[in-house]
Amino acid sequence: MRNLKYYPNFIEHPGLTLKKTLDAYGLSQKQLAIRISMTEKHITAIIKGYSPITTETALKLETVFDISAIFWNNLQKLYDENRTRLNFVKQINEEIKHLPKFKIYNKLAHLGYVKRTDVREEKVFELHKFYAVSSLLNIPKTYSLQFRKSFQEPNKESLIAWLRCGEIEFRKENIGQFSRKTLINSISDIRKLTHIDFKESIRKLKEYLFDIGVYFVFIPYFENTYINGVVRWIKDNPVIQISDRNKYTDIFWFTVFHEICHILKHSKKNIFIDFEEKYKNVSDDEKEADEFARNVLIPKNEYEIFLKKHNYSDESIISFSNEISIPEGIVAGRLAFEGYRDWKSISRFREKMN
């Protein structure tokens, strides 16, 4: 792993070592040129650092000075490497001006993804490693994002950081082959998890999906990303990543089934990001995923019959929830979202993600 502490502040071209060796042997540049069939001009270029010591030159120097070609080759190799490192340090210093965009740094440090530091050069260096890029300018190019357009633009650096956390967690695991058929057959069992303690349900959901070849990861909400969840494919496995932005379990479960629909019905090439905002230009894929999630949680026919009764009282919510075996908060949240109840009046039904 790269460490800025080991990056040199100054490097010496191997031509200087050649000049010292000539002086030690009492040879002039012209005499050396004659001995190794090179022009004096070329020897001067090496000594002044304009030209490298090539493998061929190293072999010739070996015969004159009885110093192995390996020595000269390694000297040149070390110079080339350190010169590149110096250029990299210069680049890091130039990129310090971009650090204000990365307000997410302290959050990443808290979660253990980057080193805690107040040194700006180290922060740039840590961000390079975290985002797996050689320049901060490359970060916006690392993901081809397809998502609902909200009225408020998300912070791209924070959004990509949140996605990157999920990718890092995925690569720690050795997950098996994805089974589409098993996922389809497991939807009703996953729905049953809505009834148990939330922390336990997340643990069981993660295990359940893992056995199917779907990686589920919960990453805390990153400020100014406005994100609830995402689904994408990494290698041959779908990855569902969920945040705790809205703090309520009804939104969590809606998001889970929304992402499952993307896995089952939509392109592997796209990254589908789900925001909890007022949207415009919603794609057909997103509409289909919304409809899928609604109907899994609350079967369409039963819901339509319930609505026809025009009774949206607390007692009616409780009765209907028991009838379809779903938590009351999910029914109440659906009614509030569609304008049949106001959010404040149904707050007692909604469970928080503790």
Protein backbone atom coordinates (compact mmCIF):
# COMPACT_ATOMS: atom_id res chain seq x y z
CA MET A 1 0.00 0.00 0.00
CA ARG A 2 1.35 3.41 -0.92
CA ASN A 3 2.41 5.70 1.90
CA LEU A 4 3.32 9.36 1.44
CA LYS A 5 5.97 9.09 4.17
CA TYR A 6 8.09 7.02 1.79
CA TYR A 7 7.84 9.42 -1.12
CA PRO A 8 11.18 11.23 -1.74
CA ASN A 9 11.62 15.00 -1.63
CA PHE A 10 14.68 14.87 -3.89
CA ILE A 11 16.07 12.33 -6.34
CA GLU A 12 19.48 11.95 -7.97
CA HIS A 13 19.87 10.93 -11.61
CA PRO A 14 22.17 7.89 -12.11
CA GLY A 15 24.28 10.10 -14.40
CA LEU A 16 25.73 11.74 -11.29
CA THR A 17 26.88 8.35 -10.05
CA LEU A 18 28.46 7.75 -13.46
CA LYS A 19 30.32 11.10 -13.19
CA LYS A 20 31.63 10.19 -9.72
CA THR A 21 32.74 6.78 -11.03
CA LEU A 22 34.59 8.38 -13.94
CA ASP A 23 36.38 10.72 -11.55
CA ALA A 24 37.29 7.81 -9.28
CA TYR A 25 38.76 5.91 -12.23
CA GLY A 26 40.49 8.99 -13.65
CA LEU A 27 38.66 8.76 -16.97
CA SER A 28 37.26 11.58 -19.05
CA GLN A 29 33.89 11.47 -20.77
CA LYS A 30 35.67 11.29 -24.12
CA GLN A 31 37.76 8.30 -23.02
CA LEU A 32 34.64 6.49 -21.78
CA ALA A 33 32.87 7.19 -25.06
CA ILE A 34 35.74 5.59 -27.00
CA ARG A 35 35.79 2.52 -24.73
CA ILE A 36 32.07 1.76 -25.07
CA SER A 37 31.51 2.89 -28.68
CA MET A 38 29.29 5.85 -27.87
CA THR A 39 29.47 9.52 -28.70
CA GLU A 40 30.86 11.90 -26.11
CA LYS A 41 27.65 13.90 -26.57
CA HIS A 42 25.57 10.92 -25.43
CA ILE A 43 27.77 10.37 -22.35
CA THR A 44 27.34 14.04 -21.46
CA ALA A 45 23.56 13.72 -21.83
CA ILE A 46 23.55 10.81 -19.36
CA ILE A 47 25.73 12.66 -16.85
CA LYS A 48 23.54 15.77 -17.03
CA GLY A 49 20.38 13.69 -16.57
CA TYR A 50 18.98 14.21 -20.04
CA SER A 51 19.27 10.55 -21.09
CA PRO A 52 18.80 7.28 -19.14
CA ILE A 53 21.25 4.49 -18.61
CA THR A 54 19.77 1.80 -20.84
CA THR A 55 20.26 -1.93 -20.36
CA GLU A 56 22.74 -1.91 -23.25
CA THR A 57 24.71 0.96 -21.71
CA ALA A 58 24.71 -0.80 -18.32
CA LEU A 59 26.27 -3.91 -19.88
CA LYS A 60 28.98 -1.79 -21.51
CA LEU A 61 29.70 0.08 -18.26
CA GLU A 62 30.09 -3.29 -16.53
CA THR A 63 33.11 -4.08 -18.72
CA VAL A 64 34.81 -0.75 -18.03
CA PHE A 65 34.30 -0.33 -14.29
CA ASP A 66 33.86 -3.94 -13.15
CA ILE A 67 30.53 -2.84 -11.63
CA SER A 68 27.67 -5.16 -12.52
CA ALA A 69 25.03 -4.13 -15.06
CA ILE A 70 22.45 -4.97 -12.39
CA PHE A 71 23.76 -2.06 -10.30
CA TRP A 72 23.36 0.43 -13.15
CA ASN A 73 19.96 -0.98 -14.17
CA ASN A 74 18.67 -0.81 -10.60
CA LEU A 75 19.99 2.72 -10.24
CA GLN A 76 18.05 3.81 -13.31
CA LYS A 77 14.95 1.87 -12.27
CA LEU A 78 14.96 3.48 -8.80
CA TYR A 79 15.40 6.94 -10.36
CA ASP A 80 12.49 6.39 -12.76
CA GLU A 81 10.25 5.13 -9.97
CA ASN A 82 11.11 8.00 -7.63
CA ARG A 83 10.67 10.56 -10.40
CA THR A 84 7.17 9.17 -10.97
CA ARG A 85 6.53 9.32 -7.22
CA LEU A 86 7.61 12.96 -7.10
CA ASN A 87 5.26 13.78 -9.95
CA PHE A 88 2.50 12.01 -8.04
CA VAL A 89 3.19 14.11 -4.95
CA LYS A 90 3.00 17.25 -7.10
CA GLN A 91 -0.34 16.05 -8.44
CA ILE A 92 -1.63 15.47 -4.90
CA ASN A 93 -0.63 19.00 -3.94
CA GLU A 94 -2.46 20.35 -6.97
CA GLU A 95 -5.59 18.39 -6.04
CA ILE A 96 -5.81 19.86 -2.53
CA LYS A 97 -7.98 22.63 -3.97
CA HIS A 98 -10.69 20.01 -4.68
CA LEU A 99 -10.94 18.85 -1.05
CA PRO A 100 -13.89 21.17 -0.18
CA LYS A 101 -16.05 18.98 -2.44
CA PHE A 102 -15.39 16.01 -0.17
CA LYS A 103 -17.32 16.99 2.94
CA ILE A 104 -17.95 13.28 3.33
CA TYR A 105 -14.35 12.67 4.47
CA ASN A 106 -15.05 12.75 8.22
CA LYS A 107 -17.98 10.36 7.79
CA LEU A 108 -15.76 7.95 5.84
CA ALA A 109 -13.11 8.20 8.56
CA HIS A 110 -15.73 7.49 11.24
CA LEU A 111 -16.80 4.36 9.33
CA GLY A 112 -13.18 3.26 8.94
CA TYR A 113 -12.86 3.63 5.17
CA VAL A 114 -10.17 6.34 5.27
CA LYS A 115 -7.53 7.43 7.76
CA ARG A 116 -8.32 10.17 10.27
CA THR A 117 -6.00 13.07 9.48
CA ASP A 118 -5.87 16.85 9.30
CA VAL A 119 -3.03 16.82 6.77
CA ARG A 120 -4.52 17.84 3.45
CA GLU A 121 -2.03 15.89 1.33
CA GLU A 122 -2.86 12.73 3.28
CA LYS A 123 -6.57 13.34 2.77
CA VAL A 124 -6.12 13.50 -1.00
CA PHE A 125 -3.99 10.36 -0.86
CA GLU A 126 -6.59 8.53 1.27
CA LEU A 127 -9.38 9.55 -1.12
CA HIS A 128 -7.38 8.17 -4.05
CA LYS A 129 -7.20 4.81 -2.29
CA PHE A 130 -10.83 4.84 -1.17
CA TYR A 131 -12.30 5.71 -4.56
CA ALA A 132 -9.66 3.53 -6.31
CA VAL A 133 -8.59 6.33 -8.65
CA SER A 134 -5.29 8.01 -9.49
CA SER A 135 -6.89 11.46 -9.55
CA LEU A 136 -9.85 13.08 -7.78
CA LEU A 137 -10.92 14.37 -11.19
CA ASN A 138 -11.62 10.79 -12.28
CA ILE A 139 -14.23 10.13 -9.58
CA PRO A 140 -17.35 11.38 -11.45
CA LYS A 141 -16.42 9.04 -14.33
CA THR A 142 -16.30 5.88 -12.22
CA TYR A 143 -20.05 5.22 -12.19
CA SER A 144 -22.59 5.47 -14.99
CA LEU A 145 -25.64 6.43 -12.95
CA GLN A 146 -29.30 6.05 -13.89
CA PHE A 147 -31.66 7.49 -11.31
CA ARG A 148 -34.74 9.55 -10.77
CA LYS A 149 -34.07 13.24 -11.20
CA SER A 150 -34.97 15.13 -8.07
CA PHE A 151 -35.49 18.84 -7.73
CA GLN A 152 -32.36 18.97 -5.60
CA GLU A 153 -29.14 17.69 -7.15
CA PRO A 154 -27.28 15.19 -4.95
CA ASN A 155 -23.65 15.73 -4.03
CA LYS A 156 -21.91 13.49 -6.58
CA GLU A 157 -18.77 12.92 -4.53
CA SER A 158 -20.84 11.80 -1.51
CA LEU A 159 -23.20 9.72 -3.62
CA ILE A 160 -20.32 7.88 -5.29
CA ALA A 161 -18.66 7.44 -1.88
CA TRP A 162 -21.83 5.77 -0.58
CA LEU A 163 -21.88 3.46 -3.60
CA ARG A 164 -18.18 2.75 -3.21
CA CYS A 165 -18.70 1.64 0.41
CA GLY A 166 -21.13 -1.01 -0.80
CA GLU A 167 -18.66 -2.19 -3.41
CA ILE A 168 -15.89 -2.46 -0.81
CA GLU A 169 -18.12 -4.51 1.48
CA PHE A 170 -19.14 -6.79 -1.39
CA ARG A 171 -15.52 -7.54 -2.30
CA LYS A 172 -14.86 -8.77 1.25
CA GLU A 173 -17.30 -11.64 0.73
CA ASN A 174 -17.17 -14.88 -1.22
CA ILE A 175 -20.73 -15.08 -2.46
CA GLY A 176 -22.16 -17.94 -4.50
CA GLN A 177 -23.95 -18.00 -7.84
CA PHE A 178 -27.11 -15.94 -8.24
CA SER A 179 -30.34 -17.91 -8.72
CA ARG A 180 -33.13 -15.91 -10.32
CA LYS A 181 -35.61 -18.75 -9.88
CA THR A 182 -34.88 -19.04 -6.16
CA LEU A 183 -35.29 -15.29 -5.69
CA ILE A 184 -38.71 -15.39 -7.36
CA ASN A 185 -39.78 -18.31 -5.17
CA SER A 186 -38.49 -16.56 -2.04
CA ILE A 187 -40.42 -13.29 -2.30
CA SER A 188 -43.25 -14.42 0.00
CA ASP A 189 -40.73 -15.63 2.61
CA ILE A 190 -38.86 -12.31 2.44
CA ARG A 191 -42.20 -10.52 2.92
CA LYS A 192 -42.71 -12.43 6.19
CA LEU A 193 -39.57 -10.78 7.59
CA THR A 194 -41.53 -7.52 7.85
CA HIS A 195 -43.19 -8.89 11.01
CA ILE A 196 -40.09 -9.50 13.13
CA ASP A 197 -37.77 -7.16 15.06
CA PHE A 198 -36.11 -4.82 12.59
CA LYS A 199 -32.48 -5.55 13.49
CA GLU A 200 -33.18 -9.25 13.37
CA SER A 201 -35.01 -8.85 10.07
CA ILE A 202 -31.96 -7.18 8.50
CA ARG A 203 -29.71 -10.00 9.69
CA LYS A 204 -32.07 -12.64 8.32
CA LEU A 205 -32.62 -10.74 5.07
CA LYS A 206 -28.87 -10.51 4.49
CA GLU A 207 -28.43 -14.25 5.14
CA TYR A 208 -31.46 -15.17 3.05
CA LEU A 209 -30.37 -13.14 0.04
CA PHE A 210 -26.73 -14.24 0.39
CA ASP A 211 -27.78 -17.87 -0.03
CA ILE A 212 -29.58 -16.87 -3.24
CA GLY A 213 -26.50 -15.08 -4.59
CA VAL A 214 -27.79 -11.56 -3.86
CA TYR A 215 -25.54 -9.38 -1.73
CA PHE A 216 -27.40 -7.10 0.68
CA VAL A 217 -25.54 -4.31 2.47
CA PHE A 218 -26.77 -1.60 4.81
CA ILE A 219 -24.71 1.60 4.64
CA PRO A 220 -25.71 4.61 6.80
CA TYR A 221 -27.12 7.64 5.03
CA PHE A 222 -24.61 10.16 3.66
CA GLU A 223 -25.70 13.79 3.86
CA ASN A 224 -26.85 15.46 0.63
CA THR A 225 -27.20 12.19 -1.28
CA TYR A 226 -31.00 11.94 -0.79
CA ILE A 227 -30.70 8.21 -1.32
CA ASN A 228 -32.80 5.34 0.01
CA GLY A 229 -31.33 2.46 -1.92
CA VAL A 230 -29.67 1.17 -5.04
CA VAL A 231 -29.34 -2.04 -6.99
CA ARG A 232 -26.50 -2.87 -9.36
CA TRP A 233 -24.59 -5.87 -10.58
CA ILE A 234 -20.99 -6.46 -9.53
CA LYS A 235 -19.49 -9.25 -11.58
CA ASP A 236 -22.29 -11.85 -11.75
CA ASN A 237 -24.10 -10.94 -8.55
CA PRO A 238 -26.80 -8.34 -7.88
CA VAL A 239 -26.09 -6.02 -4.96
CA ILE A 240 -28.85 -4.32 -2.97
CA GLN A 241 -27.60 -1.40 -0.89
CA ILE A 242 -29.94 0.43 1.50
CA SER A 243 -29.52 3.57 3.64
CA ASP A 244 -31.40 4.72 6.74
CA ARG A 245 -32.28 8.15 5.39
CA ASN A 246 -35.98 8.21 6.26
CA LYS A 247 -35.72 6.10 9.42
CA TYR A 248 -38.99 4.22 8.86
CA THR A 249 -39.35 0.49 8.22
CA ASP A 250 -42.23 0.85 5.76
CA ILE A 251 -39.98 2.84 3.42
CA PHE A 252 -37.18 0.31 4.00
CA TRP A 253 -39.30 -2.65 2.93
CA PHE A 254 -40.75 -0.79 -0.03
CA THR A 255 -37.19 -0.02 -1.16
CA VAL A 256 -36.09 -3.65 -0.73
CA PHE A 257 -38.86 -4.98 -2.99
CA HIS A 258 -38.38 -2.09 -5.41
CA GLU A 259 -34.74 -3.16 -5.84
CA ILE A 260 -35.69 -6.84 -6.13
CA CYS A 261 -37.89 -5.92 -9.09
CA HIS A 262 -34.92 -4.27 -10.82
CA ILE A 263 -32.92 -7.48 -10.32
CA LEU A 264 -35.65 -9.66 -11.79
CA LYS A 265 -36.90 -7.50 -14.64
CA HIS A 266 -34.39 -4.86 -15.71
CA SER A 267 -30.99 -4.49 -17.36
CA LYS A 268 -27.85 -5.62 -15.56
CA LYS A 269 -25.97 -2.74 -17.16
CA ASN A 270 -27.77 0.00 -15.24
CA ILE A 271 -27.37 1.26 -11.69
CA PHE A 272 -30.84 2.07 -10.37
CA ILE A 273 -30.82 4.61 -7.55
CA ASP A 274 -33.95 5.22 -5.51
CA PHE A 275 -34.44 8.63 -3.90
CA GLU A 276 -37.20 9.69 -1.54
CA GLU A 277 -38.07 12.99 -3.20
CA LYS A 278 -40.61 14.62 -5.48
CA TYR A 279 -39.65 13.31 -8.90
CA LYS A 280 -39.96 14.24 -12.51
CA ASN A 281 -39.11 12.25 -15.64
CA VAL A 282 -39.60 8.89 -13.88
CA SER A 283 -38.57 6.01 -16.15
CA ASP A 284 -40.81 3.08 -17.04
CA ASP A 285 -38.43 0.77 -15.16
CA GLU A 286 -38.86 2.83 -11.99
CA LYS A 287 -42.64 2.87 -12.37
CA GLU A 288 -42.65 -0.90 -12.79
CA ALA A 289 -40.43 -1.36 -9.72
CA ASP A 290 -42.74 0.87 -7.67
CA GLU A 291 -45.78 -1.10 -8.76
CA PHE A 292 -44.05 -4.39 -8.00
CA ALA A 293 -43.10 -3.26 -4.46
CA ARG A 294 -46.60 -1.95 -3.75
CA ASN A 295 -48.28 -5.16 -4.88
CA VAL A 296 -45.90 -7.48 -3.02
CA LEU A 297 -46.44 -5.64 0.25
CA ILE A 298 -50.17 -5.02 -0.25
CA PRO A 299 -51.82 -7.27 -2.87
CA LYS A 300 -53.55 -5.16 -5.52
CA ASN A 301 -56.97 -6.83 -5.47
CA GLU A 302 -57.27 -6.74 -1.69
CA TYR A 303 -56.17 -3.09 -1.62
CA GLU A 304 -58.74 -2.07 -4.22
CA ILE A 305 -61.50 -3.77 -2.22
CA PHE A 306 -60.28 -1.99 0.92
CA LEU A 307 -60.35 1.41 -0.81
CA LYS A 308 -63.89 0.91 -2.10
CA LYS A 309 -65.12 0.81 1.50
CA HIS A 310 -63.91 4.42 1.97
CA ASN A 311 -63.05 3.67 5.56
CA TYR A 312 -59.48 4.68 6.42
CA SER A 313 -59.83 4.81 10.19
CA ASP A 314 -57.21 3.46 12.59
CA GLU A 315 -59.44 0.47 13.31
CA SER A 316 -59.83 -0.22 9.60
CA ILE A 317 -56.05 -0.05 9.09
CA ILE A 318 -55.48 -2.54 11.90
CA SER A 319 -58.15 -4.91 10.60
CA PHE A 320 -56.91 -4.79 7.00
CA SER A 321 -53.28 -5.26 8.04
CA ASN A 322 -54.20 -8.40 9.98
CA GLU A 323 -56.20 -9.65 7.03
CA ILE A 324 -53.29 -9.45 4.59
CA SER A 325 -50.58 -10.30 7.18
CA ILE A 326 -48.53 -7.13 6.87
CA PRO A 327 -47.44 -4.60 9.56
CA GLU A 328 -49.88 -1.76 10.13
CA GLY A 329 -47.20 0.83 9.36
CA ILE A 330 -46.93 -0.39 5.77
CA VAL A 331 -50.66 0.02 5.17
CA ALA A 332 -50.75 3.36 6.97
CA GLY A 333 -47.74 4.63 5.04
CA ARG A 334 -49.34 3.65 1.74
CA LEU A 335 -52.57 5.48 2.64
CA ALA A 336 -50.67 8.61 3.66
CA PHE A 337 -48.51 8.53 0.53
CA GLU A 338 -51.64 8.37 -1.64
CA GLY A 339 -53.38 11.13 0.30
CA TYR A 340 -56.06 9.12 2.12
CA ARG A 341 -54.56 10.02 5.52
CA ASP A 342 -52.09 12.70 6.56
CA TRP A 343 -48.68 11.58 7.76
CA LYS A 344 -49.03 12.99 11.26
CA SER A 345 -52.28 11.16 11.94
CA ILE A 346 -50.77 7.74 11.14
CA SER A 347 -47.41 8.27 12.86
CA ARG A 348 -48.24 5.86 15.69
CA PHE A 349 -48.38 2.98 13.23
CA ARG A 350 -44.96 3.57 11.67
CA GLU A 351 -41.96 1.77 13.13
CA LYS A 352 -38.57 3.47 13.15
CA MET A 353 -35.37 1.80 11.99
CA ASN A 354 -33.66 1.43 15.37
